PDB file of N, CA and C in Angstrom:
ATOM      1  N   MET A   1      75.148  85.974  78.132  1.00  0.00           N
ATOM      2  CA  MET A   1      76.041  86.780  78.934  1.00  0.00           C
ATOM      3  C   MET A   1      77.105  87.508  78.048  1.00  0.00           C
ATOM      4  N   SER A   2      77.256  88.725  78.246  1.00  0.00           N
ATOM      5  CA  SER A   2      78.326  89.465  77.501  1.00  0.00           C
ATOM      6  C   SER A   2      79.701  89.105  78.025  1.00  0.00           C
ATOM      7  N   LYS A   3      80.643  89.360  77.180  1.00  0.00           N
ATOM      8  CA  LYS A   3      82.015  89.037  77.520  1.00  0.00           C
ATOM      9  C   LYS A   3      82.601  90.331  77.935  1.00  0.00           C
ATOM     10  N   LYS A   4      82.900  90.362  79.253  1.00  0.00           N
ATOM     11  CA  LYS A   4      83.631  91.736  79.815  1.00  0.00           C
ATOM     12  C   LYS A   4      84.241  91.230  81.121  1.00  0.00           C
ATOM     13  N   LEU A   5      85.370  91.618  81.305  1.00  0.00           N
ATOM     14  CA  LEU A   5      86.036  91.405  82.576  1.00  0.00           C
ATOM     15  C   LEU A   5      85.894  92.638  83.392  1.00  0.00           C
ATOM     16  N   ILE A   6      85.415  92.632  84.641  1.00  0.00           N
ATOM     17  CA  ILE A   6      85.373  93.672  85.564  1.00  0.00           C
ATOM     18  C   ILE A   6      86.336  93.529  86.623  1.00  0.00           C
ATOM     19  N   VAL A   7      86.890  94.746  87.090  1.00  0.00           N
ATOM     20  CA  VAL A   7      87.701  94.811  88.259  1.00  0.00           C
ATOM     21  C   VAL A   7      87.092  95.772  89.220  1.00  0.00           C
ATOM     22  N   ALA A   8      86.833  95.305  90.373  1.00  0.00           N
ATOM     23  CA  ALA A   8      86.036  96.152  91.344  1.00  0.00           C
ATOM     24  C   ALA A   8      86.908  96.494  92.575  1.00  0.00           C
ATOM     25  N   CYS A   9      86.815  97.818  92.969  1.00  0.00           N
ATOM     26  CA  CYS A   9      87.423  98.231  94.193  1.00  0.00           C
ATOM     27  C   CYS A   9      86.433  99.224  94.880  1.00  0.00           C
ATOM     28  N   GLY A  10      86.648  99.809  95.925  1.00  0.00           N
ATOM     29  CA  GLY A  10      85.824 100.620  96.649  1.00  0.00           C
ATOM     30  C   GLY A  10      85.283 101.639  95.956  1.00  0.00           C
ATOM     31  N   SER A  11      86.024 102.451  95.117  1.00  0.00           N
ATOM     32  CA  SER A  11      85.655 103.660  94.471  1.00  0.00           C
ATOM     33  C   SER A  11      85.527 103.410  92.967  1.00  0.00           C
ATOM     34  N   GLY A  12      86.178 102.501  92.441  1.00  0.00           N
ATOM     35  CA  GLY A  12      86.065 102.129  91.050  1.00  0.00           C
ATOM     36  C   GLY A  12      87.075 103.178  90.225  1.00  0.00           C
ATOM     37  N   VAL A  13      87.862 103.977  90.851  1.00  0.00           N
ATOM     38  CA  VAL A  13      88.732 104.927  90.172  1.00  0.00           C
ATOM     39  C   VAL A  13      90.134 104.762  90.553  1.00  0.00           C
ATOM     40  N   ALA A  14      90.476 104.111  91.532  1.00  0.00           N
ATOM     41  CA  ALA A  14      91.991 104.033  91.930  1.00  0.00           C
ATOM     42  C   ALA A  14      92.572 102.650  91.644  1.00  0.00           C
ATOM     43  N   THR A  15      92.421 101.837  92.582  1.00  0.00           N
ATOM     44  CA  THR A  15      93.062 100.559  92.559  1.00  0.00           C
ATOM     45  C   THR A  15      92.499  99.677  91.298  1.00  0.00           C
ATOM     46  N   SER A  16      91.191  99.702  91.233  1.00  0.00           N
ATOM     47  CA  SER A  16      90.585  98.941  90.137  1.00  0.00           C
ATOM     48  C   SER A  16      91.025  99.447  88.876  1.00  0.00           C
ATOM     49  N   THR A  17      91.187 100.693  88.635  1.00  0.00           N
ATOM     50  CA  THR A  17      91.666 101.302  87.376  1.00  0.00           C
ATOM     51  C   THR A  17      93.109 100.779  87.077  1.00  0.00           C
ATOM     52  N   THR A  18      93.914 100.886  88.178  1.00  0.00           N
ATOM     53  CA  THR A  18      95.280 100.469  87.922  1.00  0.00           C
ATOM     54  C   THR A  18      95.395  99.008  87.457  1.00  0.00           C
ATOM     55  N   ILE A  19      94.550  98.079  88.128  1.00  0.00           N
ATOM     56  CA  ILE A  19      94.695  96.639  87.750  1.00  0.00           C
ATOM     57  C   ILE A  19      93.988  96.567  86.395  1.00  0.00           C
ATOM     58  N   ALA A  20      92.899  97.195  86.205  1.00  0.00           N
ATOM     59  CA  ALA A  20      92.222  97.187  84.955  1.00  0.00           C
ATOM     60  C   ALA A  20      93.166  97.433  83.783  1.00  0.00           C
ATOM     61  N   GLU A  21      93.927  98.559  83.929  1.00  0.00           N
ATOM     62  CA  GLU A  21      94.961  98.957  82.940  1.00  0.00           C
ATOM     63  C   GLU A  21      96.038  97.855  82.757  1.00  0.00           C
ATOM     64  N   LYS A  22      96.514  97.382  83.870  1.00  0.00           N
ATOM     65  CA  LYS A  22      97.487  96.218  83.717  1.00  0.00           C
ATOM     66  C   LYS A  22      96.980  95.071  82.932  1.00  0.00           C
ATOM     67  N   ILE A  23      95.806  94.703  83.304  1.00  0.00           N
ATOM     68  CA  ILE A  23      95.211  93.568  82.554  1.00  0.00           C
ATOM     69  C   ILE A  23      94.956  93.883  81.055  1.00  0.00           C
ATOM     70  N   LYS A  24      94.532  95.183  80.787  1.00  0.00           N
ATOM     71  CA  LYS A  24      94.397  95.534  79.420  1.00  0.00           C
ATOM     72  C   LYS A  24      95.644  95.456  78.656  1.00  0.00           C
ATOM     73  N   THR A  25      96.661  96.018  79.292  1.00  0.00           N
ATOM     74  CA  THR A  25      97.993  96.056  78.555  1.00  0.00           C
ATOM     75  C   THR A  25      98.455  94.576  78.345  1.00  0.00           C
ATOM     76  N   LYS A  26      98.277  93.721  79.304  1.00  0.00           N
ATOM     77  CA  LYS A  26      98.768  92.288  79.022  1.00  0.00           C
ATOM     78  C   LYS A  26      97.901  91.723  77.975  1.00  0.00           C
ATOM     79  N   PHE A  27      96.616  91.968  77.884  1.00  0.00           N
ATOM     80  CA  PHE A  27      95.786  91.370  76.967  1.00  0.00           C
ATOM     81  C   PHE A  27      96.214  91.905  75.443  1.00  0.00           C
ATOM     82  N   GLU A  28      96.539  93.251  75.501  1.00  0.00           N
ATOM     83  CA  GLU A  28      96.892  93.759  74.235  1.00  0.00           C
ATOM     84  C   GLU A  28      98.250  93.132  73.734  1.00  0.00           C
ATOM     85  N   ASN A  29      99.207  93.038  74.709  1.00  0.00           N
ATOM     86  CA  ASN A  29     100.489  92.394  74.410  1.00  0.00           C
ATOM     87  C   ASN A  29     100.349  90.950  73.943  1.00  0.00           C
ATOM     88  N   ASP A  30      99.325  90.267  74.343  1.00  0.00           N
ATOM     89  CA  ASP A  30      99.091  88.858  74.031  1.00  0.00           C
ATOM     90  C   ASP A  30      98.115  88.830  72.951  1.00  0.00           C
ATOM     91  N   GLY A  31      97.711  89.863  72.343  1.00  0.00           N
ATOM     92  CA  GLY A  31      96.751  89.878  71.180  1.00  0.00           C
ATOM     93  C   GLY A  31      95.310  89.401  71.626  1.00  0.00           C
ATOM     94  N   ILE A  32      95.031  89.754  72.795  1.00  0.00           N
ATOM     95  CA  ILE A  32      93.629  89.244  73.204  1.00  0.00           C
ATOM     96  C   ILE A  32      92.646  90.396  73.190  1.00  0.00           C
ATOM     97  N   ASP A  33      91.705  90.358  72.530  1.00  0.00           N
ATOM     98  CA  ASP A  33      90.663  91.286  72.248  1.00  0.00           C
ATOM     99  C   ASP A  33      89.523  91.104  73.285  1.00  0.00           C
ATOM    100  N   TYR A  34      89.419  91.690  74.400  1.00  0.00           N
ATOM    101  CA  TYR A  34      88.510  91.407  75.534  1.00  0.00           C
ATOM    102  C   TYR A  34      88.300  92.603  76.264  1.00  0.00           C
ATOM    103  N   PRO A  35      87.035  93.092  76.390  1.00  0.00           N
ATOM    104  CA  PRO A  35      86.834  94.245  77.227  1.00  0.00           C
ATOM    105  C   PRO A  35      87.138  94.189  78.725  1.00  0.00           C
ATOM    106  N   VAL A  36      87.763  95.111  79.196  1.00  0.00           N
ATOM    107  CA  VAL A  36      88.062  95.286  80.638  1.00  0.00           C
ATOM    108  C   VAL A  36      87.552  96.509  81.077  1.00  0.00           C
ATOM    109  N   GLU A  37      86.916  96.512  82.422  1.00  0.00           N
ATOM    110  CA  GLU A  37      86.283  97.738  82.912  1.00  0.00           C
ATOM    111  C   GLU A  37      86.545  97.811  84.444  1.00  0.00           C
ATOM    112  N   ALA A  38      86.886  98.987  84.860  1.00  0.00           N
ATOM    113  CA  ALA A  38      86.934  99.169  86.322  1.00  0.00           C
ATOM    114  C   ALA A  38      85.623  99.534  86.860  1.00  0.00           C
ATOM    115  N   VAL A  39      85.159  99.001  88.041  1.00  0.00           N
ATOM    116  CA  VAL A  39      83.725  99.448  88.544  1.00  0.00           C
ATOM    117  C   VAL A  39      83.993  99.556  90.100  1.00  0.00           C
ATOM    118  N   ASP A  40      82.973 100.222  90.703  1.00  0.00           N
ATOM    119  CA  ASP A  40      82.980 100.450  92.093  1.00  0.00           C
ATOM    120  C   ASP A  40      82.272  99.243  92.734  1.00  0.00           C
ATOM    121  N   TYR A  41      82.762  98.922  93.929  1.00  0.00           N
ATOM    122  CA  TYR A  41      82.212  97.672  94.542  1.00  0.00           C
ATOM    123  C   TYR A  41      80.675  97.809  94.929  1.00  0.00           C
ATOM    124  N   LYS A  42      80.375  99.173  95.194  1.00  0.00           N
ATOM    125  CA  LYS A  42      78.904  99.216  95.599  1.00  0.00           C
ATOM    126  C   LYS A  42      77.952  98.895  94.448  1.00  0.00           C
ATOM    127  N   SER A  43      78.471  98.922  93.263  1.00  0.00           N
ATOM    128  CA  SER A  43      77.509  98.573  92.231  1.00  0.00           C
ATOM    129  C   SER A  43      77.759  97.046  91.691  1.00  0.00           C
ATOM    130  N   ILE A  44      78.545  96.433  92.409  1.00  0.00           N
ATOM    131  CA  ILE A  44      78.941  95.022  91.904  1.00  0.00           C
ATOM    132  C   ILE A  44      77.787  94.196  91.591  1.00  0.00           C
ATOM    133  N   MET A  45      76.671  94.211  92.457  1.00  0.00           N
ATOM    134  CA  MET A  45      75.543  93.311  92.146  1.00  0.00           C
ATOM    135  C   MET A  45      74.918  93.692  90.850  1.00  0.00           C
ATOM    136  N   ASN A  46      74.941  94.939  90.458  1.00  0.00           N
ATOM    137  CA  ASN A  46      74.391  95.299  89.241  1.00  0.00           C
ATOM    138  C   ASN A  46      75.292  95.080  88.082  1.00  0.00           C
ATOM    139  N   GLU A  47      76.646  95.046  88.311  1.00  0.00           N
ATOM    140  CA  GLU A  47      77.648  94.826  87.354  1.00  0.00           C
ATOM    141  C   GLU A  47      77.825  93.296  86.936  1.00  0.00           C
ATOM    142  N   LEU A  48      77.577  92.472  88.043  1.00  0.00           N
ATOM    143  CA  LEU A  48      77.923  91.081  87.706  1.00  0.00           C
ATOM    144  C   LEU A  48      77.192  90.428  86.548  1.00  0.00           C
ATOM    145  N   PRO A  49      75.831  90.733  86.406  1.00  0.00           N
ATOM    146  CA  PRO A  49      75.158  90.097  85.271  1.00  0.00           C
ATOM    147  C   PRO A  49      75.584  90.389  83.922  1.00  0.00           C
ATOM    148  N   SER A  50      76.300  91.499  83.822  1.00  0.00           N
ATOM    149  CA  SER A  50      76.851  91.870  82.456  1.00  0.00           C
ATOM    150  C   SER A  50      78.427  91.522  82.288  1.00  0.00           C
ATOM    151  N   ALA A  51      78.900  90.800  83.333  1.00  0.00           N
ATOM    152  CA  ALA A  51      80.349  90.412  83.233  1.00  0.00           C
ATOM    153  C   ALA A  51      80.446  88.893  83.009  1.00  0.00           C
ATOM    154  N   SER A  52      81.673  88.560  82.627  1.00  0.00           N
ATOM    155  CA  SER A  52      82.085  87.197  82.359  1.00  0.00           C
ATOM    156  C   SER A  52      83.154  86.823  83.246  1.00  0.00           C
ATOM    157  N   ILE A  53      83.967  87.676  83.703  1.00  0.00           N
ATOM    158  CA  ILE A  53      85.079  87.574  84.616  1.00  0.00           C
ATOM    159  C   ILE A  53      85.055  88.642  85.667  1.00  0.00           C
ATOM    160  N   TYR A  54      85.289  88.216  86.968  1.00  0.00           N
ATOM    161  CA  TYR A  54      85.322  89.267  88.005  1.00  0.00           C
ATOM    162  C   TYR A  54      86.720  89.300  88.694  1.00  0.00           C
ATOM    163  N   VAL A  55      87.322  90.291  88.874  1.00  0.00           N
ATOM    164  CA  VAL A  55      88.536  90.371  89.562  1.00  0.00           C
ATOM    165  C   VAL A  55      88.226  91.491  90.678  1.00  0.00           C
ATOM    166  N   TYR A  56      88.599  90.985  91.843  1.00  0.00           N
ATOM    167  CA  TYR A  56      88.215  91.694  93.019  1.00  0.00           C
ATOM    168  C   TYR A  56      89.597  92.175  93.745  1.00  0.00           C
ATOM    169  N   ILE A  57      89.497  93.380  94.409  1.00  0.00           N
ATOM    170  CA  ILE A  57      90.627  93.994  95.207  1.00  0.00           C
ATOM    171  C   ILE A  57      90.433  93.462  96.701  1.00  0.00           C
ATOM    172  N   ALA A  58      89.378  93.914  97.384  1.00  0.00           N
ATOM    173  CA  ALA A  58      89.102  93.433  98.752  1.00  0.00           C
ATOM    174  C   ALA A  58      88.190  92.192  98.593  1.00  0.00           C
ATOM    175  N   GLN A  59      88.356  91.415  99.464  1.00  0.00           N
ATOM    176  CA  GLN A  59      87.595  90.180  99.457  1.00  0.00           C
ATOM    177  C   GLN A  59      86.108  90.402  99.445  1.00  0.00           C
ATOM    178  N   PRO A  60      85.430  89.860  98.426  1.00  0.00           N
ATOM    179  CA  PRO A  60      83.993  90.223  98.283  1.00  0.00           C
ATOM    180  C   PRO A  60      83.139  89.543  99.403  1.00  0.00           C
ATOM    181  N   ASP A  61      81.948  90.087  99.634  1.00  0.00           N
ATOM    182  CA  ASP A  61      81.038  89.525 100.535  1.00  0.00           C
ATOM    183  C   ASP A  61      80.564  88.111 100.012  1.00  0.00           C
ATOM    184  N   VAL A  62      80.152  87.286 100.817  1.00  0.00           N
ATOM    185  CA  VAL A  62      79.566  85.991 100.567  1.00  0.00           C
ATOM    186  C   VAL A  62      78.425  86.152  99.570  1.00  0.00           C
ATOM    187  N   GLU A  63      77.549  87.034  99.807  1.00  0.00           N
ATOM    188  CA  GLU A  63      76.430  87.414  98.907  1.00  0.00           C
ATOM    189  C   GLU A  63      76.945  87.515  97.434  1.00  0.00           C
ATOM    190  N   VAL A  64      78.043  88.310  97.381  1.00  0.00           N
ATOM    191  CA  VAL A  64      78.559  88.666  95.985  1.00  0.00           C
ATOM    192  C   VAL A  64      79.206  87.388  95.383  1.00  0.00           C
ATOM    193  N   LEU A  65      79.840  86.640  96.216  1.00  0.00           N
ATOM    194  CA  LEU A  65      80.413  85.334  95.672  1.00  0.00           C
ATOM    195  C   LEU A  65      79.443  84.408  95.346  1.00  0.00           C
ATOM    196  N   GLU A  66      78.285  84.303  96.069  1.00  0.00           N
ATOM    197  CA  GLU A  66      77.225  83.384  95.704  1.00  0.00           C
ATOM    198  C   GLU A  66      76.529  83.840  94.393  1.00  0.00           C
ATOM    199  N   ARG A  67      76.329  85.057  94.224  1.00  0.00           N
ATOM    200  CA  ARG A  67      75.793  85.561  92.962  1.00  0.00           C
ATOM    201  C   ARG A  67      76.696  85.295  91.801  1.00  0.00           C
ATOM    202  N   ALA A  68      77.980  85.568  91.893  1.00  0.00           N
ATOM    203  CA  ALA A  68      78.933  85.146  90.857  1.00  0.00           C
ATOM    204  C   ALA A  68      78.932  83.817  90.495  1.00  0.00           C
ATOM    205  N   ALA A  69      78.720  82.852  91.593  1.00  0.00           N
ATOM    206  CA  ALA A  69      78.672  81.394  91.358  1.00  0.00           C
ATOM    207  C   ALA A  69      77.376  81.145  90.637  1.00  0.00           C
ATOM    208  N   GLU A  70      76.329  81.683  90.945  1.00  0.00           N
ATOM    209  CA  GLU A  70      74.913  81.546  90.325  1.00  0.00           C
ATOM    210  C   GLU A  70      75.056  81.837  88.846  1.00  0.00           C
ATOM    211  N   LEU A  71      75.778  82.845  88.556  1.00  0.00           N
ATOM    212  CA  LEU A  71      75.976  83.396  87.153  1.00  0.00           C
ATOM    213  C   LEU A  71      77.026  82.693  86.451  1.00  0.00           C
ATOM    214  N   THR A  72      77.712  81.697  87.179  1.00  0.00           N
ATOM    215  CA  THR A  72      78.866  80.952  86.606  1.00  0.00           C
ATOM    216  C   THR A  72      80.112  82.034  86.032  1.00  0.00           C
ATOM    217  N   ILE A  73      80.272  83.026  86.964  1.00  0.00           N
ATOM    218  CA  ILE A  73      81.231  84.015  86.626  1.00  0.00           C
ATOM    219  C   ILE A  73      82.437  83.753  87.407  1.00  0.00           C
ATOM    220  N   PRO A  74      83.714  83.300  86.703  1.00  0.00           N
ATOM    221  CA  PRO A  74      84.916  83.048  87.565  1.00  0.00           C
ATOM    222  C   PRO A  74      85.349  84.307  88.356  1.00  0.00           C
ATOM    223  N   VAL A  75      85.923  84.109  89.490  1.00  0.00           N
ATOM    224  CA  VAL A  75      86.329  85.178  90.373  1.00  0.00           C
ATOM    225  C   VAL A  75      87.814  84.993  90.535  1.00  0.00           C
ATOM    226  N   PHE A  76      88.652  86.165  90.417  1.00  0.00           N
ATOM    227  CA  PHE A  76      89.939  86.097  90.807  1.00  0.00           C
ATOM    228  C   PHE A  76      90.425  87.247  91.593  1.00  0.00           C
ATOM    229  N   ALA A  77      91.394  86.899  92.356  1.00  0.00           N
ATOM    230  CA  ALA A  77      92.064  88.026  93.193  1.00  0.00           C
ATOM    231  C   ALA A  77      92.828  89.063  92.381  1.00  0.00           C
ATOM    232  N   GLY A  78      92.761  90.257  92.648  1.00  0.00           N
ATOM    233  CA  GLY A  78      93.460  91.307  91.808  1.00  0.00           C
ATOM    234  C   GLY A  78      94.671  91.734  92.434  1.00  0.00           C
ATOM    235  N   ILE A  79      94.873  91.554  93.769  1.00  0.00           N
ATOM    236  CA  ILE A  79      96.018  92.108  94.467  1.00  0.00           C
ATOM    237  C   ILE A  79      97.347  91.562  93.748  1.00  0.00           C
ATOM    238  N   PRO A  80      97.465  90.237  93.290  1.00  0.00           N
ATOM    239  CA  PRO A  80      98.770  89.908  92.609  1.00  0.00           C
ATOM    240  C   PRO A  80      99.189  90.838  91.455  1.00  0.00           C
ATOM    241  N   PHE A  81      98.183  91.582  90.860  1.00  0.00           N
ATOM    242  CA  PHE A  81      98.459  92.463  89.803  1.00  0.00           C
ATOM    243  C   PHE A  81      99.140  93.736  90.409  1.00  0.00           C
ATOM    244  N   LEU A  82      98.930  93.983  91.619  1.00  0.00           N
ATOM    245  CA  LEU A  82      99.512  95.153  92.338  1.00  0.00           C
ATOM    246  C   LEU A  82     100.961  94.851  92.870  1.00  0.00           C
ATOM    247  N   THR A  83     100.996  93.530  93.393  1.00  0.00           N
ATOM    248  CA  THR A  83     102.283  93.170  94.134  1.00  0.00           C
ATOM    249  C   THR A  83     103.207  92.471  93.174  1.00  0.00           C
ATOM    250  N   GLY A  84     102.649  91.789  92.066  1.00  0.00           N
ATOM    251  CA  GLY A  84     103.493  90.993  91.163  1.00  0.00           C
ATOM    252  C   GLY A  84     103.632  89.614  91.598  1.00  0.00           C
ATOM    253  N   MET A  85     103.303  89.286  92.869  1.00  0.00           N
ATOM    254  CA  MET A  85     103.613  87.952  93.477  1.00  0.00           C
ATOM    255  C   MET A  85     102.381  87.103  93.080  1.00  0.00           C
ATOM    256  N   GLY A  86     102.575  86.059  92.202  1.00  0.00           N
ATOM    257  CA  GLY A  86     101.529  85.130  91.824  1.00  0.00           C
ATOM    258  C   GLY A  86     100.739  85.655  90.652  1.00  0.00           C
ATOM    259  N   MET A  87     101.051  86.816  89.998  1.00  0.00           N
ATOM    260  CA  MET A  87     100.459  87.458  88.963  1.00  0.00           C
ATOM    261  C   MET A  87     100.331  86.571  87.738  1.00  0.00           C
ATOM    262  N   ASP A  88     101.464  85.961  87.367  1.00  0.00           N
ATOM    263  CA  ASP A  88     101.425  85.195  86.132  1.00  0.00           C
ATOM    264  C   ASP A  88     100.580  84.086  86.106  1.00  0.00           C
ATOM    265  N   ALA A  89     100.457  83.386  87.278  1.00  0.00           N
ATOM    266  CA  ALA A  89      99.455  82.131  87.485  1.00  0.00           C
ATOM    267  C   ALA A  89      98.120  82.669  87.288  1.00  0.00           C
ATOM    268  N   ILE A  90      97.734  83.786  88.066  1.00  0.00           N
ATOM    269  CA  ILE A  90      96.354  84.285  87.862  1.00  0.00           C
ATOM    270  C   ILE A  90      96.068  84.804  86.417  1.00  0.00           C
ATOM    271  N   TYR A  91      96.932  85.499  85.926  1.00  0.00           N
ATOM    272  CA  TYR A  91      96.847  85.877  84.570  1.00  0.00           C
ATOM    273  C   TYR A  91      96.484  84.812  83.603  1.00  0.00           C
ATOM    274  N   GLU A  92      97.298  83.677  83.671  1.00  0.00           N
ATOM    275  CA  GLU A  92      97.111  82.503  82.840  1.00  0.00           C
ATOM    276  C   GLU A  92      95.669  81.888  82.948  1.00  0.00           C
ATOM    277  N   GLU A  93      95.276  81.910  84.192  1.00  0.00           N
ATOM    278  CA  GLU A  93      93.839  81.379  84.522  1.00  0.00           C
ATOM    279  C   GLU A  93      92.823  82.372  83.869  1.00  0.00           C
ATOM    280  N   ILE A  94      93.204  83.645  83.983  1.00  0.00           N
ATOM    281  CA  ILE A  94      92.213  84.650  83.397  1.00  0.00           C
ATOM    282  C   ILE A  94      92.101  84.436  81.833  1.00  0.00           C
ATOM    283  N   VAL A  95      93.232  84.241  81.170  1.00  0.00           N
ATOM    284  CA  VAL A  95      93.405  83.993  79.810  1.00  0.00           C
ATOM    285  C   VAL A  95      92.560  82.796  79.359  1.00  0.00           C
ATOM    286  N   LYS A  96      92.679  81.813  80.159  1.00  0.00           N
ATOM    287  CA  LYS A  96      91.961  80.560  79.797  1.00  0.00           C
ATOM    288  C   LYS A  96      90.379  80.924  79.757  1.00  0.00           C
ATOM    289  N   GLU A  97      90.004  81.671  80.726  1.00  0.00           N
ATOM    290  CA  GLU A  97      88.583  82.066  80.862  1.00  0.00           C
ATOM    291  C   GLU A  97      88.143  82.957  79.657  1.00  0.00           C
ATOM    292  N   THR A  98      89.086  83.790  79.139  1.00  0.00           N
ATOM    293  CA  THR A  98      88.657  84.565  77.880  1.00  0.00           C
ATOM    294  C   THR A  98      88.520  83.697  76.738  1.00  0.00           C
ATOM    295  N   GLU A  99      89.017  82.532  76.631  1.00  0.00           N
ATOM    296  CA  GLU A  99      88.971  81.523  75.601  1.00  0.00           C
ATOM    297  C   GLU A  99      87.721  80.796  75.594  1.00  0.00           C
ATOM    298  N   LYS A 100      86.990  80.762  76.551  1.00  0.00           N
ATOM    299  CA  LYS A 100      85.781  79.986  76.737  1.00  0.00           C
ATOM    300  C   LYS A 100      84.680  80.789  75.811  1.00  0.00           C
TER     301      LYS A 100
END
């Protein structure tokens, strides 16, 4: 499995891009070299096999969560990166995943 964090929203160009940029900036500030990419939710089943971390905006379908579990891809909520509430805790968990 390649190492790549994906952030998915409906279009892959608005919310997911905003969150992907926030995570990229935090990674850069923390000296973490890890690819981050915004994708659209419609392509999530195709994107999951090439991802190592998945950050979602809207709650994913059960099928998507099951596929992520099958592929042993950790899944995180992205809304805290928009609201700031709980962001640090989720970010710390994501950082731990980048170290695996």
